[in-house]
């Protein structure tokens, strides 16, 4: 099947990159409602309307819905659970 969607910066089709797994780990570059570590719980949409829903690791009921583009922005999100610098930590 040919890719009919925009290309990711690695030249791969975004639709093919959508192979994100439930429970995949993500770290926010800045605290979001006091939390930085999240896991993927839902995803949906197509093309520019694509979105993901992330749940806080420490507070699973706290969820964020982000566009696919936001999640791919390395200044906002990093794949995996990245260490939090001590000066940015709230002691958790």
N, C-alpha and C. Protein backbone atom coordinates (compact mmCIF):
# COMPACT_ATOMS: atom_id res chain seq x y z
N UNK A 1 0.84 -1.19 0.00
CA UNK A 1 0.00 0.00 0.00
C UNK A 1 0.88 1.24 0.00
N UNK A 2 0.51 2.21 -0.79
CA UNK A 2 1.30 3.45 -0.87
C UNK A 2 0.89 4.42 0.21
N UNK A 3 1.83 5.23 0.61
CA UNK A 3 1.58 6.25 1.62
C UNK A 3 0.87 7.42 0.97
N UNK A 4 -0.27 7.79 1.51
CA UNK A 4 -1.04 8.92 0.99
C UNK A 4 -1.04 10.10 1.96
N UNK A 5 -0.25 10.00 3.01
CA UNK A 5 -0.23 11.06 4.02
C UNK A 5 1.11 11.77 4.02
N UNK A 6 1.22 12.80 4.84
CA UNK A 6 2.46 13.58 4.93
C UNK A 6 3.61 12.69 5.41
N UNK A 7 4.81 13.10 5.08
CA UNK A 7 5.99 12.34 5.46
C UNK A 7 6.53 12.82 6.80
N UNK A 8 7.02 11.88 7.59
CA UNK A 8 7.71 12.16 8.85
C UNK A 8 9.13 12.61 8.49
N UNK A 9 9.85 13.22 9.41
CA UNK A 9 11.17 13.74 9.08
C UNK A 9 12.16 12.63 8.71
N UNK A 10 11.87 11.39 9.00
CA UNK A 10 12.72 10.29 8.60
C UNK A 10 12.29 9.72 7.25
N UNK A 11 11.33 10.36 6.60
CA UNK A 11 10.88 9.92 5.30
C UNK A 11 9.87 8.79 5.36
N UNK A 12 9.47 8.40 6.55
CA UNK A 12 8.47 7.35 6.67
C UNK A 12 7.08 7.96 6.69
N UNK A 13 6.15 7.20 6.25
CA UNK A 13 4.76 7.65 6.22
C UNK A 13 4.24 7.80 7.64
N UNK A 14 3.57 8.91 7.93
CA UNK A 14 2.99 9.10 9.26
C UNK A 14 2.02 7.97 9.60
N UNK A 15 1.28 7.52 8.60
CA UNK A 15 0.33 6.46 8.86
C UNK A 15 1.06 5.19 9.29
N UNK A 16 2.20 4.91 8.69
CA UNK A 16 2.99 3.76 9.08
C UNK A 16 3.61 3.98 10.45
N UNK A 17 3.94 5.21 10.78
CA UNK A 17 4.51 5.54 12.08
C UNK A 17 3.46 5.41 13.17
N UNK A 18 2.18 5.30 12.80
CA UNK A 18 1.12 5.25 13.78
C UNK A 18 1.12 3.93 14.53
N UNK A 19 2.10 3.10 14.33
CA UNK A 19 2.19 1.85 15.05
C UNK A 19 2.52 2.05 16.52
N UNK A 20 2.14 3.18 17.08
CA UNK A 20 2.35 3.42 18.51
C UNK A 20 1.61 2.35 19.29
N UNK A 21 2.25 1.88 20.31
CA UNK A 21 1.67 0.83 21.15
C UNK A 21 0.99 1.45 22.36
N UNK A 22 -0.14 0.87 22.78
CA UNK A 22 -0.76 1.28 24.02
C UNK A 22 0.26 1.03 25.13
N UNK A 23 0.30 1.91 26.08
CA UNK A 23 1.24 1.90 27.19
C UNK A 23 2.63 2.41 26.82
N UNK A 24 2.80 2.88 25.58
CA UNK A 24 4.09 3.46 25.20
C UNK A 24 4.37 4.66 26.10
N UNK A 25 5.60 4.80 26.54
CA UNK A 25 6.00 5.84 27.50
C UNK A 25 6.40 7.13 26.78
N UNK A 26 6.01 8.28 27.39
CA UNK A 26 6.37 9.60 26.88
C UNK A 26 6.70 10.51 28.05
N UNK A 27 7.67 11.40 27.84
CA UNK A 27 8.05 12.39 28.86
C UNK A 27 7.85 13.78 28.29
N UNK A 28 7.12 14.60 29.03
CA UNK A 28 6.90 15.99 28.64
C UNK A 28 8.12 16.82 29.05
N UNK A 29 8.50 17.77 28.20
CA UNK A 29 9.64 18.62 28.53
C UNK A 29 9.32 19.61 29.64
N UNK A 30 8.05 19.88 29.85
CA UNK A 30 7.62 20.75 30.95
C UNK A 30 6.48 20.06 31.70
N UNK A 31 6.32 20.36 32.98
CA UNK A 31 5.23 19.73 33.73
C UNK A 31 3.86 20.07 33.13
N UNK A 32 3.01 19.09 33.11
CA UNK A 32 1.62 19.25 32.65
C UNK A 32 0.74 18.80 33.80
N UNK A 33 0.06 19.75 34.39
CA UNK A 33 -0.70 19.51 35.62
C UNK A 33 0.19 18.87 36.67
N UNK A 34 1.45 19.32 36.73
CA UNK A 34 2.39 18.84 37.72
C UNK A 34 3.05 17.51 37.39
N UNK A 35 2.76 16.95 36.24
CA UNK A 35 3.30 15.64 35.86
C UNK A 35 4.10 15.72 34.57
N UNK A 36 5.09 14.83 34.45
CA UNK A 36 5.91 14.82 33.22
C UNK A 36 5.95 13.46 32.55
N UNK A 37 5.66 12.38 33.28
CA UNK A 37 5.71 11.03 32.69
C UNK A 37 4.29 10.55 32.39
N UNK A 38 4.11 10.11 31.13
CA UNK A 38 2.80 9.69 30.65
C UNK A 38 2.92 8.39 29.85
N UNK A 39 1.78 7.73 29.68
CA UNK A 39 1.72 6.56 28.81
C UNK A 39 0.57 6.74 27.83
N UNK A 40 0.74 6.20 26.66
CA UNK A 40 -0.28 6.29 25.62
C UNK A 40 -1.43 5.36 25.97
N UNK A 41 -2.66 5.89 25.97
CA UNK A 41 -3.82 5.05 26.26
C UNK A 41 -4.80 4.96 25.10
N UNK A 42 -4.88 5.99 24.27
CA UNK A 42 -5.79 6.00 23.11
C UNK A 42 -5.15 6.79 21.99
N UNK A 43 -5.59 6.49 20.77
CA UNK A 43 -5.19 7.30 19.62
C UNK A 43 -6.29 7.23 18.58
N UNK A 44 -6.39 8.27 17.78
CA UNK A 44 -7.44 8.30 16.77
C UNK A 44 -7.23 9.40 15.77
N UNK A 45 -8.20 9.55 14.90
CA UNK A 45 -8.15 10.56 13.86
C UNK A 45 -7.29 10.12 12.69
N UNK A 46 -7.29 10.97 11.66
CA UNK A 46 -6.50 10.72 10.45
C UNK A 46 -5.87 12.01 9.99
N UNK A 47 -4.72 11.88 9.34
CA UNK A 47 -4.07 13.04 8.76
C UNK A 47 -3.83 14.13 9.77
N UNK A 48 -4.20 15.36 9.41
CA UNK A 48 -3.99 16.51 10.30
C UNK A 48 -4.87 16.46 11.55
N UNK A 49 -5.88 15.61 11.54
CA UNK A 49 -6.80 15.50 12.69
C UNK A 49 -6.36 14.40 13.66
N UNK A 50 -5.20 13.84 13.44
CA UNK A 50 -4.70 12.74 14.27
C UNK A 50 -4.41 13.21 15.69
N UNK A 51 -4.76 12.39 16.70
CA UNK A 51 -4.55 12.74 18.10
C UNK A 51 -4.15 11.50 18.90
N UNK A 52 -3.59 11.75 20.07
CA UNK A 52 -3.28 10.70 21.04
C UNK A 52 -3.79 11.15 22.39
N UNK A 53 -4.14 10.20 23.23
CA UNK A 53 -4.52 10.50 24.60
C UNK A 53 -3.49 9.84 25.51
N UNK A 54 -2.95 10.65 26.41
CA UNK A 54 -1.91 10.21 27.33
C UNK A 54 -2.42 10.27 28.75
N UNK A 55 -2.06 9.27 29.57
CA UNK A 55 -2.44 9.25 30.99
C UNK A 55 -1.18 9.42 31.82
N UNK A 56 -1.28 10.20 32.88
CA UNK A 56 -0.15 10.39 33.79
C UNK A 56 0.22 9.05 34.42
N UNK A 57 1.50 8.79 34.53
CA UNK A 57 1.96 7.56 35.14
C UNK A 57 1.56 7.50 36.61
N UNK A 58 1.68 8.62 37.32
CA UNK A 58 1.39 8.64 38.76
C UNK A 58 -0.08 8.86 39.07
N UNK A 59 -0.81 9.47 38.16
CA UNK A 59 -2.24 9.72 38.34
C UNK A 59 -2.97 9.31 37.06
N UNK A 60 -3.25 8.02 36.87
CA UNK A 60 -3.82 7.54 35.60
C UNK A 60 -5.13 8.22 35.21
N UNK A 61 -5.87 8.75 36.18
CA UNK A 61 -7.13 9.43 35.85
C UNK A 61 -6.87 10.80 35.20
N UNK A 62 -5.65 11.33 35.34
CA UNK A 62 -5.29 12.60 34.72
C UNK A 62 -4.83 12.32 33.29
N UNK A 63 -5.62 12.77 32.32
CA UNK A 63 -5.34 12.50 30.92
C UNK A 63 -5.22 13.77 30.12
N UNK A 64 -4.38 13.69 29.07
CA UNK A 64 -4.19 14.80 28.13
C UNK A 64 -4.47 14.29 26.73
N UNK A 65 -5.12 15.10 25.93
CA UNK A 65 -5.25 14.79 24.51
C UNK A 65 -4.36 15.76 23.75
N UNK A 66 -3.46 15.21 22.95
CA UNK A 66 -2.50 15.99 22.19
C UNK A 66 -2.63 15.64 20.72
N UNK A 67 -2.36 16.60 19.87
CA UNK A 67 -2.32 16.29 18.44
C UNK A 67 -1.06 15.46 18.18
N UNK A 68 -1.11 14.68 17.11
CA UNK A 68 0.06 13.89 16.70
C UNK A 68 1.26 14.81 16.48
N UNK A 69 1.01 15.98 15.87
CA UNK A 69 2.10 16.93 15.61
C UNK A 69 2.75 17.39 16.91
N UNK A 70 1.94 17.66 17.94
CA UNK A 70 2.50 18.07 19.23
C UNK A 70 3.37 16.96 19.81
N UNK A 71 2.90 15.72 19.74
CA UNK A 71 3.64 14.60 20.29
C UNK A 71 4.97 14.40 19.57
N UNK A 72 5.02 14.72 18.29
CA UNK A 72 6.25 14.55 17.51
C UNK A 72 7.22 15.72 17.67
N UNK A 73 6.78 16.79 18.33
CA UNK A 73 7.63 17.96 18.56
C UNK A 73 8.60 17.67 19.70
N UNK A 74 9.86 17.45 19.37
CA UNK A 74 10.86 17.06 20.37
C UNK A 74 11.12 18.14 21.41
N UNK A 75 10.70 19.38 21.15
CA UNK A 75 10.84 20.42 22.18
C UNK A 75 9.74 20.28 23.24
N UNK A 76 8.68 19.50 22.94
CA UNK A 76 7.58 19.30 23.88
C UNK A 76 7.57 17.90 24.50
N UNK A 77 7.90 16.87 23.70
CA UNK A 77 7.79 15.48 24.13
C UNK A 77 9.00 14.66 23.71
N UNK A 78 9.39 13.73 24.57
CA UNK A 78 10.44 12.75 24.26
C UNK A 78 9.85 11.35 24.46
N UNK A 79 10.16 10.47 23.54
CA UNK A 79 9.72 9.08 23.65
C UNK A 79 10.44 8.42 24.81
N UNK A 80 9.72 7.61 25.58
CA UNK A 80 10.30 6.92 26.73
C UNK A 80 10.18 7.76 27.99
N UNK A 81 10.52 7.17 29.11
CA UNK A 81 10.51 7.89 30.38
C UNK A 81 11.91 8.41 30.62
N UNK A 82 12.08 9.70 30.36
CA UNK A 82 13.37 10.35 30.49
C UNK A 82 13.59 10.81 31.93
N UNK A 83 14.84 10.83 32.39
CA UNK A 83 15.10 11.33 33.74
C UNK A 83 14.75 12.81 33.85
N UNK A 84 14.25 13.20 35.00
CA UNK A 84 13.91 14.59 35.28
C UNK A 84 15.06 15.20 36.08
N UNK A 85 15.65 16.29 35.59
CA UNK A 85 16.73 16.93 36.36
C UNK A 85 16.25 17.28 37.77
N UNK A 86 17.12 17.13 38.75
CA UNK A 86 16.76 17.37 40.17
C UNK A 86 16.15 18.74 40.36
N UNK A 87 16.67 19.75 39.66
CA UNK A 87 16.12 21.11 39.85
C UNK A 87 14.71 21.25 39.30
N UNK A 88 14.28 20.32 38.41
CA UNK A 88 12.93 20.34 37.86
C UNK A 88 11.98 19.41 38.60
N UNK A 89 12.51 18.59 39.49
CA UNK A 89 11.73 17.58 40.19
C UNK A 89 11.00 18.20 41.37
N UNK A 90 9.81 17.66 41.66
CA UNK A 90 9.07 18.12 42.85
C UNK A 90 9.23 17.11 43.98
N UNK A 91 10.30 16.29 43.87
CA UNK A 91 10.57 15.33 44.93
C UNK A 91 9.92 13.98 44.72
N UNK A 92 9.18 13.81 43.63
CA UNK A 92 8.51 12.53 43.35
C UNK A 92 9.39 11.69 42.46
